[in-house]
PDB file of N, CA and C in Angstrom:
ATOM      1  N   MET A   1      -8.258   4.781 -17.239  1.00  0.00           N
ATOM      2  CA  MET A   1      -7.963   3.243 -17.817  1.00  0.00           C
ATOM      3  C   MET A   1      -6.746   3.117 -17.209  1.00  0.00           C
ATOM      4  N   PRO A   2      -7.046   1.637 -16.456  1.00  0.00           N
ATOM      5  CA  PRO A   2      -5.383   1.202 -15.918  1.00  0.00           C
ATOM      6  C   PRO A   2      -4.795   0.598 -16.799  1.00  0.00           C
ATOM      7  N   ASN A   3      -3.418   0.195 -15.411  1.00  0.00           N
ATOM      8  CA  ASN A   3      -2.690   0.078 -16.850  1.00  0.00           C
ATOM      9  C   ASN A   3      -2.760  -1.348 -17.905  1.00  0.00           C
ATOM     10  N   THR A   4      -2.761  -1.148 -19.441  1.00  0.00           N
ATOM     11  CA  THR A   4      -3.051  -1.895 -19.921  1.00  0.00           C
ATOM     12  C   THR A   4      -2.058  -3.154 -21.040  1.00  0.00           C
ATOM     13  N   GLU A   5      -0.898  -2.430 -19.974  1.00  0.00           N
ATOM     14  CA  GLU A   5       0.405  -3.858 -20.570  1.00  0.00           C
ATOM     15  C   GLU A   5       0.248  -4.768 -19.290  1.00  0.00           C
ATOM     16  N   SER A   6       0.053  -4.710 -18.257  1.00  0.00           N
ATOM     17  CA  SER A   6      -0.051  -5.276 -17.355  1.00  0.00           C
ATOM     18  C   SER A   6       0.188  -6.731 -17.839  1.00  0.00           C
ATOM     19  N   TRP A   7      -0.963  -6.901 -19.018  1.00  0.00           N
ATOM     20  CA  TRP A   7      -1.600  -8.468 -18.954  1.00  0.00           C
ATOM     21  C   TRP A   7      -0.421  -8.775 -20.070  1.00  0.00           C
ATOM     22  N   LEU A   8       0.767  -8.022 -20.738  1.00  0.00           N
ATOM     23  CA  LEU A   8       1.685  -8.857 -21.262  1.00  0.00           C
ATOM     24  C   LEU A   8       2.761  -9.019 -20.736  1.00  0.00           C
ATOM     25  N   MET A   9       3.259 -10.863 -20.597  1.00  0.00           N
ATOM     26  CA  MET A   9       4.205 -10.641 -19.887  1.00  0.00           C
ATOM     27  C   MET A   9       5.351 -10.829 -20.719  1.00  0.00           C
ATOM     28  N   PRO A  10       6.539 -10.439 -19.966  1.00  0.00           N
ATOM     29  CA  PRO A  10       8.037 -10.114 -20.775  1.00  0.00           C
ATOM     30  C   PRO A  10       8.484 -11.109 -21.001  1.00  0.00           C
ATOM     31  N   GLY A  11       8.610 -11.470 -22.333  1.00  0.00           N
ATOM     32  CA  GLY A  11       8.953 -12.601 -22.649  1.00  0.00           C
ATOM     33  C   GLY A  11       8.137 -14.307 -23.765  1.00  0.00           C
ATOM     34  N   SER A  12       6.696 -13.769 -22.857  1.00  0.00           N
ATOM     35  CA  SER A  12       5.980 -14.279 -23.917  1.00  0.00           C
ATOM     36  C   SER A  12       5.814 -13.804 -25.705  1.00  0.00           C
ATOM     37  N   LEU A  13       6.035 -13.029 -26.065  1.00  0.00           N
ATOM     38  CA  LEU A  13       6.010 -12.818 -27.582  1.00  0.00           C
ATOM     39  C   LEU A  13       7.499 -12.869 -27.712  1.00  0.00           C
ATOM     40  N   PRO A  14       8.071 -13.434 -29.226  1.00  0.00           N
ATOM     41  CA  PRO A  14       9.043 -12.573 -29.474  1.00  0.00           C
ATOM     42  C   PRO A  14       9.362 -11.350 -29.423  1.00  0.00           C
ATOM     43  N   SER A  15      11.039 -10.531 -29.048  1.00  0.00           N
ATOM     44  CA  SER A  15      11.288  -9.305 -27.939  1.00  0.00           C
ATOM     45  C   SER A  15      10.677  -8.124 -29.539  1.00  0.00           C
ATOM     46  N   SER A  16      10.718  -8.423 -30.613  1.00  0.00           N
ATOM     47  CA  SER A  16      10.429  -7.071 -31.898  1.00  0.00           C
ATOM     48  C   SER A  16       8.982  -7.875 -31.574  1.00  0.00           C
ATOM     49  N   GLU A  17       8.293  -8.200 -31.633  1.00  0.00           N
ATOM     50  CA  GLU A  17       6.443  -8.251 -31.369  1.00  0.00           C
ATOM     51  C   GLU A  17       6.256  -7.910 -30.360  1.00  0.00           C
ATOM     52  N   GLU A  18       7.320  -7.858 -29.000  1.00  0.00           N
ATOM     53  CA  GLU A  18       6.111  -7.506 -28.025  1.00  0.00           C
ATOM     54  C   GLU A  18       6.655  -6.081 -28.041  1.00  0.00           C
ATOM     55  N   SER A  19       8.106  -5.640 -28.617  1.00  0.00           N
ATOM     56  CA  SER A  19       7.832  -4.133 -28.780  1.00  0.00           C
ATOM     57  C   SER A  19       7.118  -3.605 -29.477  1.00  0.00           C
ATOM     58  N   ASP A  20       6.425  -4.110 -30.638  1.00  0.00           N
ATOM     59  CA  ASP A  20       5.439  -3.238 -31.350  1.00  0.00           C
ATOM     60  C   ASP A  20       4.063  -3.247 -31.044  1.00  0.00           C
ATOM     61  N   VAL A  21       3.821  -4.533 -29.972  1.00  0.00           N
ATOM     62  CA  VAL A  21       2.501  -4.686 -29.415  1.00  0.00           C
ATOM     63  C   VAL A  21       2.568  -3.726 -28.048  1.00  0.00           C
ATOM     64  N   ILE A  22       3.491  -3.470 -27.338  1.00  0.00           N
ATOM     65  CA  ILE A  22       3.475  -2.369 -26.500  1.00  0.00           C
ATOM     66  C   ILE A  22       3.439  -0.713 -26.987  1.00  0.00           C
ATOM     67  N   ASN A  23       4.180  -0.736 -28.269  1.00  0.00           N
ATOM     68  CA  ASN A  23       4.150   0.642 -28.961  1.00  0.00           C
ATOM     69  C   ASN A  23       2.551   0.302 -29.283  1.00  0.00           C
ATOM     70  N   ALA A  24       2.131  -0.184 -29.958  1.00  0.00           N
ATOM     71  CA  ALA A  24       0.422  -0.020 -30.255  1.00  0.00           C
ATOM     72  C   ALA A  24      -0.201   0.426 -29.218  1.00  0.00           C
ATOM     73  N   ILE A  25       0.433  -0.375 -28.003  1.00  0.00           N
ATOM     74  CA  ILE A  25      -1.093  -0.366 -27.149  1.00  0.00           C
ATOM     75  C   ILE A  25      -0.919   1.150 -26.293  1.00  0.00           C
ATOM     76  N   ARG A  26       0.202   1.560 -26.343  1.00  0.00           N
ATOM     77  CA  ARG A  26       0.813   3.290 -25.747  1.00  0.00           C
ATOM     78  C   ARG A  26       0.087   3.806 -26.884  1.00  0.00           C
ATOM     79  N   HIS A  27       0.114   4.068 -27.978  1.00  0.00           N
ATOM     80  CA  HIS A  27      -1.125   4.694 -29.183  1.00  0.00           C
ATOM     81  C   HIS A  27      -2.279   5.067 -28.612  1.00  0.00           C
ATOM     82  N   ILE A  28      -2.833   3.510 -28.190  1.00  0.00           N
ATOM     83  CA  ILE A  28      -4.360   3.349 -27.887  1.00  0.00           C
ATOM     84  C   ILE A  28      -4.557   4.108 -26.696  1.00  0.00           C
ATOM     85  N   ASP A  29      -3.832   3.714 -25.547  1.00  0.00           N
ATOM     86  CA  ASP A  29      -3.742   4.990 -24.120  1.00  0.00           C
ATOM     87  C   ASP A  29      -3.717   6.147 -24.762  1.00  0.00           C
ATOM     88  N   ALA A  30      -3.216   6.628 -25.564  1.00  0.00           N
ATOM     89  CA  ALA A  30      -2.899   8.298 -25.826  1.00  0.00           C
ATOM     90  C   ALA A  30      -3.722   8.952 -26.549  1.00  0.00           C
ATOM     91  N   ALA A  31      -4.182   7.155 -26.972  1.00  0.00           N
ATOM     92  CA  ALA A  31      -5.147   8.341 -28.573  1.00  0.00           C
ATOM     93  C   ALA A  31      -4.651   8.999 -29.793  1.00  0.00           C
ATOM     94  N   THR A  32      -3.419   8.950 -29.820  1.00  0.00           N
ATOM     95  CA  THR A  32      -2.688   8.512 -30.787  1.00  0.00           C
ATOM     96  C   THR A  32      -2.702   8.109 -31.946  1.00  0.00           C
ATOM     97  N   THR A  33      -2.340   8.239 -33.344  1.00  0.00           N
ATOM     98  CA  THR A  33      -1.801   7.625 -34.576  1.00  0.00           C
ATOM     99  C   THR A  33      -0.635   7.237 -35.108  1.00  0.00           C
ATOM    100  N   PRO A  34      -0.441   6.744 -34.600  1.00  0.00           N
ATOM    101  CA  PRO A  34       0.715   5.843 -35.020  1.00  0.00           C
ATOM    102  C   PRO A  34       1.596   6.577 -36.367  1.00  0.00           C
ATOM    103  N   HIS A  35       2.909   6.692 -36.213  1.00  0.00           N
ATOM    104  CA  HIS A  35       3.861   6.751 -37.670  1.00  0.00           C
ATOM    105  C   HIS A  35       3.639   6.081 -39.057  1.00  0.00           C
ATOM    106  N   TRP A  36       3.483   4.573 -38.240  1.00  0.00           N
ATOM    107  CA  TRP A  36       3.864   3.426 -38.746  1.00  0.00           C
ATOM    108  C   TRP A  36       2.772   3.194 -40.071  1.00  0.00           C
ATOM    109  N   LEU A  37       1.426   3.686 -39.538  1.00  0.00           N
ATOM    110  CA  LEU A  37       0.429   3.332 -39.860  1.00  0.00           C
ATOM    111  C   LEU A  37       0.072   3.029 -41.516  1.00  0.00           C
ATOM    112  N   HIS A  38      -0.378   1.781 -41.785  1.00  0.00           N
ATOM    113  CA  HIS A  38      -0.363   1.474 -43.589  1.00  0.00           C
ATOM    114  C   HIS A  38      -1.345   2.442 -44.202  1.00  0.00           C
ATOM    115  N   PRO A  39      -0.596   2.683 -44.931  1.00  0.00           N
ATOM    116  CA  PRO A  39      -2.108   3.348 -46.608  1.00  0.00           C
ATOM    117  C   PRO A  39      -3.620   2.404 -46.199  1.00  0.00           C
ATOM    118  N   GLN A  40      -3.274   0.838 -46.526  1.00  0.00           N
ATOM    119  CA  GLN A  40      -4.440   0.299 -46.263  1.00  0.00           C
ATOM    120  C   GLN A  40      -5.410   0.932 -44.834  1.00  0.00           C
ATOM    121  N   ALA A  41      -4.721   1.785 -44.034  1.00  0.00           N
ATOM    122  CA  ALA A  41      -5.630   1.538 -42.764  1.00  0.00           C
ATOM    123  C   ALA A  41      -6.708   3.094 -43.217  1.00  0.00           C
ATOM    124  N   ARG A  42      -5.854   3.463 -44.215  1.00  0.00           N
ATOM    125  CA  ARG A  42      -6.466   5.179 -44.704  1.00  0.00           C
ATOM    126  C   ARG A  42      -6.414   5.956 -43.362  1.00  0.00           C
ATOM    127  N   GLY A  43      -5.613   6.233 -42.935  1.00  0.00           N
ATOM    128  CA  GLY A  43      -5.313   7.065 -41.800  1.00  0.00           C
ATOM    129  C   GLY A  43      -6.021   6.807 -40.700  1.00  0.00           C
ATOM    130  N   VAL A  44      -6.913   6.146 -40.448  1.00  0.00           N
ATOM    131  CA  VAL A  44      -7.088   5.326 -39.591  1.00  0.00           C
ATOM    132  C   VAL A  44      -6.878   4.496 -38.585  1.00  0.00           C
ATOM    133  N   PHE A  45      -6.452   4.693 -37.164  1.00  0.00           N
ATOM    134  CA  PHE A  45      -5.907   3.860 -36.102  1.00  0.00           C
ATOM    135  C   PHE A  45      -7.170   3.373 -34.898  1.00  0.00           C
ATOM    136  N   GLY A  46      -7.579   2.512 -35.473  1.00  0.00           N
ATOM    137  CA  GLY A  46      -8.889   1.571 -34.653  1.00  0.00           C
ATOM    138  C   GLY A  46      -9.984   1.562 -35.246  1.00  0.00           C
ATOM    139  N   ARG A  47     -10.485   0.992 -35.584  1.00  0.00           N
ATOM    140  CA  ARG A  47     -11.799   0.349 -36.134  1.00  0.00           C
ATOM    141  C   ARG A  47     -12.868  -0.301 -35.693  1.00  0.00           C
ATOM    142  N   PRO A  48     -14.351   0.112 -35.714  1.00  0.00           N
ATOM    143  CA  PRO A  48     -15.529  -0.844 -34.594  1.00  0.00           C
ATOM    144  C   PRO A  48     -15.038  -2.127 -34.887  1.00  0.00           C
ATOM    145  N   HIS A  49     -15.182  -3.403 -34.092  1.00  0.00           N
ATOM    146  CA  HIS A  49     -14.655  -4.704 -34.713  1.00  0.00           C
ATOM    147  C   HIS A  49     -16.435  -5.139 -33.483  1.00  0.00           C
ATOM    148  N   ARG A  50     -16.456  -6.513 -34.869  1.00  0.00           N
ATOM    149  CA  ARG A  50     -18.249  -6.995 -34.108  1.00  0.00           C
ATOM    150  C   ARG A  50     -17.026  -8.339 -33.969  1.00  0.00           C
ATOM    151  N   ASN A  51     -18.051  -9.092 -32.518  1.00  0.00           N
ATOM    152  CA  ASN A  51     -17.463 -10.234 -32.426  1.00  0.00           C
ATOM    153  C   ASN A  51     -18.143 -11.400 -32.754  1.00  0.00           C
ATOM    154  N   ARG A  52     -17.558 -11.783 -34.032  1.00  0.00           N
ATOM    155  CA  ARG A  52     -18.119 -12.919 -34.301  1.00  0.00           C
ATOM    156  C   ARG A  52     -17.905 -14.205 -34.783  1.00  0.00           C
ATOM    157  N   LEU A  53     -18.655 -15.108 -34.524  1.00  0.00           N
ATOM    158  CA  LEU A  53     -18.379 -16.580 -33.907  1.00  0.00           C
ATOM    159  C   LEU A  53     -17.269 -16.922 -34.969  1.00  0.00           C
ATOM    160  N   THR A  54     -16.729 -17.764 -34.141  1.00  0.00           N
ATOM    161  CA  THR A  54     -15.825 -18.720 -35.742  1.00  0.00           C
ATOM    162  C   THR A  54     -16.273 -19.848 -35.868  1.00  0.00           C
ATOM    163  N   PRO A  55     -15.801 -20.460 -36.836  1.00  0.00           N
ATOM    164  CA  PRO A  55     -16.523 -21.806 -37.285  1.00  0.00           C
ATOM    165  C   PRO A  55     -16.562 -22.438 -35.909  1.00  0.00           C
ATOM    166  N   ASN A  56     -15.174 -22.771 -35.127  1.00  0.00           N
ATOM    167  CA  ASN A  56     -15.587 -23.621 -33.923  1.00  0.00           C
ATOM    168  C   ASN A  56     -16.291 -22.667 -32.502  1.00  0.00           C
ATOM    169  N   GLY A  57     -17.131 -21.713 -33.500  1.00  0.00           N
ATOM    170  CA  GLY A  57     -17.987 -21.238 -32.368  1.00  0.00           C
ATOM    171  C   GLY A  57     -16.873 -20.266 -30.904  1.00  0.00           C
ATOM    172  N   ASP A  58     -15.633 -20.090 -31.404  1.00  0.00           N
ATOM    173  CA  ASP A  58     -15.363 -19.149 -30.652  1.00  0.00           C
ATOM    174  C   ASP A  58     -15.535 -17.868 -30.864  1.00  0.00           C
ATOM    175  N   SER A  59     -15.652 -16.797 -29.392  1.00  0.00           N
ATOM    176  CA  SER A  59     -15.656 -15.002 -29.597  1.00  0.00           C
ATOM    177  C   SER A  59     -14.868 -14.903 -28.735  1.00  0.00           C
ATOM    178  N   LEU A  60     -15.123 -13.417 -28.686  1.00  0.00           N
ATOM    179  CA  LEU A  60     -13.943 -12.730 -27.726  1.00  0.00           C
ATOM    180  C   LEU A  60     -14.981 -12.958 -26.621  1.00  0.00           C
ATOM    181  N   PRO A  61     -14.654 -13.252 -25.211  1.00  0.00           N
ATOM    182  CA  PRO A  61     -15.536 -12.699 -24.330  1.00  0.00           C
ATOM    183  C   PRO A  61     -15.571 -11.320 -24.083  1.00  0.00           C
ATOM    184  N   GLY A  62     -16.835 -11.095 -23.181  1.00  0.00           N
ATOM    185  CA  GLY A  62     -17.031  -9.697 -22.858  1.00  0.00           C
ATOM    186  C   GLY A  62     -19.116  -9.299 -22.446  1.00  0.00           C
ATOM    187  N   ILE A  63     -19.460  -8.342 -22.539  1.00  0.00           N
ATOM    188  CA  ILE A  63     -20.712  -8.337 -21.941  1.00  0.00           C
ATOM    189  C   ILE A  63     -21.903  -7.973 -23.045  1.00  0.00           C
ATOM    190  N   PRO A  64     -22.469  -8.935 -23.729  1.00  0.00           N
ATOM    191  CA  PRO A  64     -23.437  -8.763 -24.727  1.00  0.00           C
ATOM    192  C   PRO A  64     -23.737  -7.920 -24.486  1.00  0.00           C
ATOM    193  N   GLY A  65     -24.264  -6.775 -25.587  1.00  0.00           N
ATOM    194  CA  GLY A  65     -24.867  -5.161 -25.859  1.00  0.00           C
ATOM    195  C   GLY A  65     -24.033  -4.184 -25.196  1.00  0.00           C
ATOM    196  N   SER A  66     -22.594  -4.257 -24.965  1.00  0.00           N
ATOM    197  CA  SER A  66     -22.009  -3.354 -23.756  1.00  0.00           C
ATOM    198  C   SER A  66     -21.335  -2.365 -25.200  1.00  0.00           C
ATOM    199  N   GLY A  67     -21.908  -2.786 -26.196  1.00  0.00           N
ATOM    200  CA  GLY A  67     -20.782  -1.309 -27.473  1.00  0.00           C
ATOM    201  C   GLY A  67     -19.636  -2.078 -27.972  1.00  0.00           C
ATOM    202  N   GLY A  68     -19.165  -3.261 -28.262  1.00  0.00           N
ATOM    203  CA  GLY A  68     -18.458  -3.912 -28.213  1.00  0.00           C
ATOM    204  C   GLY A  68     -17.253  -3.300 -28.496  1.00  0.00           C
ATOM    205  N   TYR A  69     -16.372  -3.672 -29.417  1.00  0.00           N
ATOM    206  CA  TYR A  69     -14.527  -3.687 -29.640  1.00  0.00           C
ATOM    207  C   TYR A  69     -14.225  -2.755 -30.801  1.00  0.00           C
ATOM    208  N   MET A  70     -13.269  -2.459 -30.263  1.00  0.00           N
ATOM    209  CA  MET A  70     -12.639  -1.433 -31.698  1.00  0.00           C
ATOM    210  C   MET A  70     -11.105  -2.948 -31.637  1.00  0.00           C
ATOM    211  N   GLU A  71     -10.660  -2.305 -32.874  1.00  0.00           N
ATOM    212  CA  GLU A  71      -9.522  -2.915 -33.612  1.00  0.00           C
ATOM    213  C   GLU A  71      -8.456  -1.975 -33.738  1.00  0.00           C
ATOM    214  N   TYR A  72      -7.435  -2.871 -33.599  1.00  0.00           N
ATOM    215  CA  TYR A  72      -5.748  -1.747 -34.072  1.00  0.00           C
ATOM    216  C   TYR A  72      -4.998  -2.764 -34.470  1.00  0.00           C
ATOM    217  N   ASP A  73      -3.729  -2.010 -35.313  1.00  0.00           N
ATOM    218  CA  ASP A  73      -3.247  -2.248 -36.452  1.00  0.00           C
ATOM    219  C   ASP A  73      -2.161  -2.481 -35.171  1.00  0.00           C
ATOM    220  N   VAL A  74      -1.214  -3.389 -35.221  1.00  0.00           N
ATOM    221  CA  VAL A  74       0.466  -3.573 -34.743  1.00  0.00           C
ATOM    222  C   VAL A  74       1.292  -3.345 -35.744  1.00  0.00           C
ATOM    223  N   ALA A  75       2.318  -2.731 -35.190  1.00  0.00           N
ATOM    224  CA  ALA A  75       2.803  -2.554 -36.814  1.00  0.00           C
ATOM    225  C   ALA A  75       3.630  -3.870 -37.279  1.00  0.00           C
ATOM    226  N   PRO A  76       3.113  -3.953 -38.612  1.00  0.00           N
ATOM    227  CA  PRO A  76       3.936  -5.220 -38.770  1.00  0.00           C
ATOM    228  C   PRO A  76       5.465  -5.539 -38.985  1.00  0.00           C
ATOM    229  N   PRO A  77       5.740  -7.013 -39.117  1.00  0.00           N
ATOM    230  CA  PRO A  77       7.170  -7.225 -38.976  1.00  0.00           C
ATOM    231  C   PRO A  77       7.916  -6.836 -40.659  1.00  0.00           C
ATOM    232  N   ALA A  78       8.864  -6.424 -40.530  1.00  0.00           N
ATOM    233  CA  ALA A  78       9.791  -6.276 -41.520  1.00  0.00           C
ATOM    234  C   ALA A  78       9.464  -7.030 -42.384  1.00  0.00           C
ATOM    235  N   GLY A  79       9.562  -6.172 -43.530  1.00  0.00           N
ATOM    236  CA  GLY A  79       9.517  -6.971 -44.919  1.00  0.00           C
ATOM    237  C   GLY A  79       8.085  -7.253 -45.515  1.00  0.00           C
ATOM    238  N   VAL A  80       6.645  -7.006 -44.466  1.00  0.00           N
ATOM    239  CA  VAL A  80       5.665  -6.883 -44.679  1.00  0.00           C
ATOM    240  C   VAL A  80       4.901  -5.822 -44.978  1.00  0.00           C
ATOM    241  N   VAL A  81       4.514  -6.388 -46.495  1.00  0.00           N
ATOM    242  CA  VAL A  81       3.649  -5.023 -47.297  1.00  0.00           C
ATOM    243  C   VAL A  81       2.629  -4.314 -46.996  1.00  0.00           C
ATOM    244  N   THR A  82       1.722  -5.086 -46.736  1.00  0.00           N
ATOM    245  CA  THR A  82       0.378  -4.984 -46.417  1.00  0.00           C
ATOM    246  C   THR A  82       0.221  -4.288 -44.627  1.00  0.00           C
ATOM    247  N   ARG A  83      -1.151  -4.266 -44.261  1.00  0.00           N
ATOM    248  CA  ARG A  83      -1.316  -4.297 -42.863  1.00  0.00           C
ATOM    249  C   ARG A  83      -0.641  -5.211 -42.038  1.00  0.00           C
ATOM    250  N   GLY A  84      -1.001  -6.404 -42.645  1.00  0.00           N
ATOM    251  CA  GLY A  84      -0.112  -7.646 -41.449  1.00  0.00           C
ATOM    252  C   GLY A  84      -0.985  -8.054 -40.718  1.00  0.00           C
ATOM    253  N   PRO A  85      -0.937  -9.308 -40.214  1.00  0.00           N
ATOM    254  CA  PRO A  85      -2.331 -10.128 -39.156  1.00  0.00           C
ATOM    255  C   PRO A  85      -1.895  -9.795 -37.652  1.00  0.00           C
ATOM    256  N   ARG A  86      -1.182  -8.718 -37.258  1.00  0.00           N
ATOM    257  CA  ARG A  86      -1.426  -8.389 -35.954  1.00  0.00           C
ATOM    258  C   ARG A  86      -1.926  -7.347 -35.356  1.00  0.00           C
ATOM    259  N   ARG A  87      -3.124  -7.963 -34.356  1.00  0.00           N
ATOM    260  CA  ARG A  87      -4.177  -7.078 -34.327  1.00  0.00           C
ATOM    261  C   ARG A  87      -4.275  -6.874 -32.523  1.00  0.00           C
ATOM    262  N   ILE A  88      -4.787  -5.819 -31.995  1.00  0.00           N
ATOM    263  CA  ILE A  88      -5.530  -6.039 -30.982  1.00  0.00           C
ATOM    264  C   ILE A  88      -6.470  -5.352 -30.838  1.00  0.00           C
ATOM    265  N   VAL A  89      -7.605  -6.219 -29.875  1.00  0.00           N
ATOM    266  CA  VAL A  89      -8.821  -5.590 -29.817  1.00  0.00           C
ATOM    267  C   VAL A  89      -9.236  -5.248 -28.388  1.00  0.00           C
ATOM    268  N   ARG A  90      -9.773  -4.307 -28.381  1.00  0.00           N
ATOM    269  CA  ARG A  90     -10.332  -3.662 -26.938  1.00  0.00           C
ATOM    270  C   ARG A  90     -11.417  -3.312 -26.797  1.00  0.00           C
ATOM    271  N   GLU A  91     -12.163  -4.081 -25.621  1.00  0.00           N
ATOM    272  CA  GLU A  91     -13.156  -4.109 -24.977  1.00  0.00           C
ATOM    273  C   GLU A  91     -14.199  -2.966 -25.064  1.00  0.00           C
ATOM    274  N   THR A  92     -14.678  -1.892 -25.398  1.00  0.00           N
ATOM    275  CA  THR A  92     -15.186  -0.903 -25.421  1.00  0.00           C
ATOM    276  C   THR A  92     -15.601  -0.321 -24.031  1.00  0.00           C
ATOM    277  N   ALA A  93     -16.750  -1.427 -23.670  1.00  0.00           N
ATOM    278  CA  ALA A  93     -16.975  -1.582 -22.016  1.00  0.00           C
ATOM    279  C   ALA A  93     -16.341  -1.099 -21.083  1.00  0.00           C
ATOM    280  N   THR A  94     -15.086  -1.834 -20.799  1.00  0.00           N
ATOM    281  CA  THR A  94     -14.187  -2.125 -19.894  1.00  0.00           C
ATOM    282  C   THR A  94     -12.781  -1.473 -20.463  1.00  0.00           C
ATOM    283  N   GLY A  95     -12.424  -1.704 -21.482  1.00  0.00           N
ATOM    284  CA  GLY A  95     -10.987  -1.624 -21.864  1.00  0.00           C
ATOM    285  C   GLY A  95     -10.176  -2.441 -21.731  1.00  0.00           C
ATOM    286  N   LYS A  96     -10.383  -3.688 -21.563  1.00  0.00           N
ATOM    287  CA  LYS A  96      -9.499  -4.937 -21.221  1.00  0.00           C
ATOM    288  C   LYS A  96      -9.382  -5.326 -23.257  1.00  0.00           C
ATOM    289  N   LEU A  97      -7.759  -5.427 -23.355  1.00  0.00           N
ATOM    290  CA  LEU A  97      -7.532  -5.675 -25.079  1.00  0.00           C
ATOM    291  C   LEU A  97      -7.250  -7.645 -24.851  1.00  0.00           C
ATOM    292  N   TYR A  98      -7.581  -8.048 -25.976  1.00  0.00           N
ATOM    293  CA  TYR A  98      -6.804  -9.068 -26.448  1.00  0.00           C
ATOM    294  C   TYR A  98      -6.632  -9.116 -27.647  1.00  0.00           C
TER     295      TYR A  98
END
């Protein structure tokens, strides 16, 4: 897989969030489970993600019928007691991250 961190421009996210995203990407690339995985994830880092249209017609880019996407949690910010809203979605066919 190509360097998946190249799309993340330094300084494009708050520093703590950028660090958490890079950490999650490293776990995705290494196929390892992070220690911070929330109990709501039931021990699974990476779940199939359907590319659903939003109410305004948006969807993830990609090749129709190419195998879909996997969704990965990013460590939630301090003080968040749930899985949190931060996710990375990986296109199965190309490895592109969104």
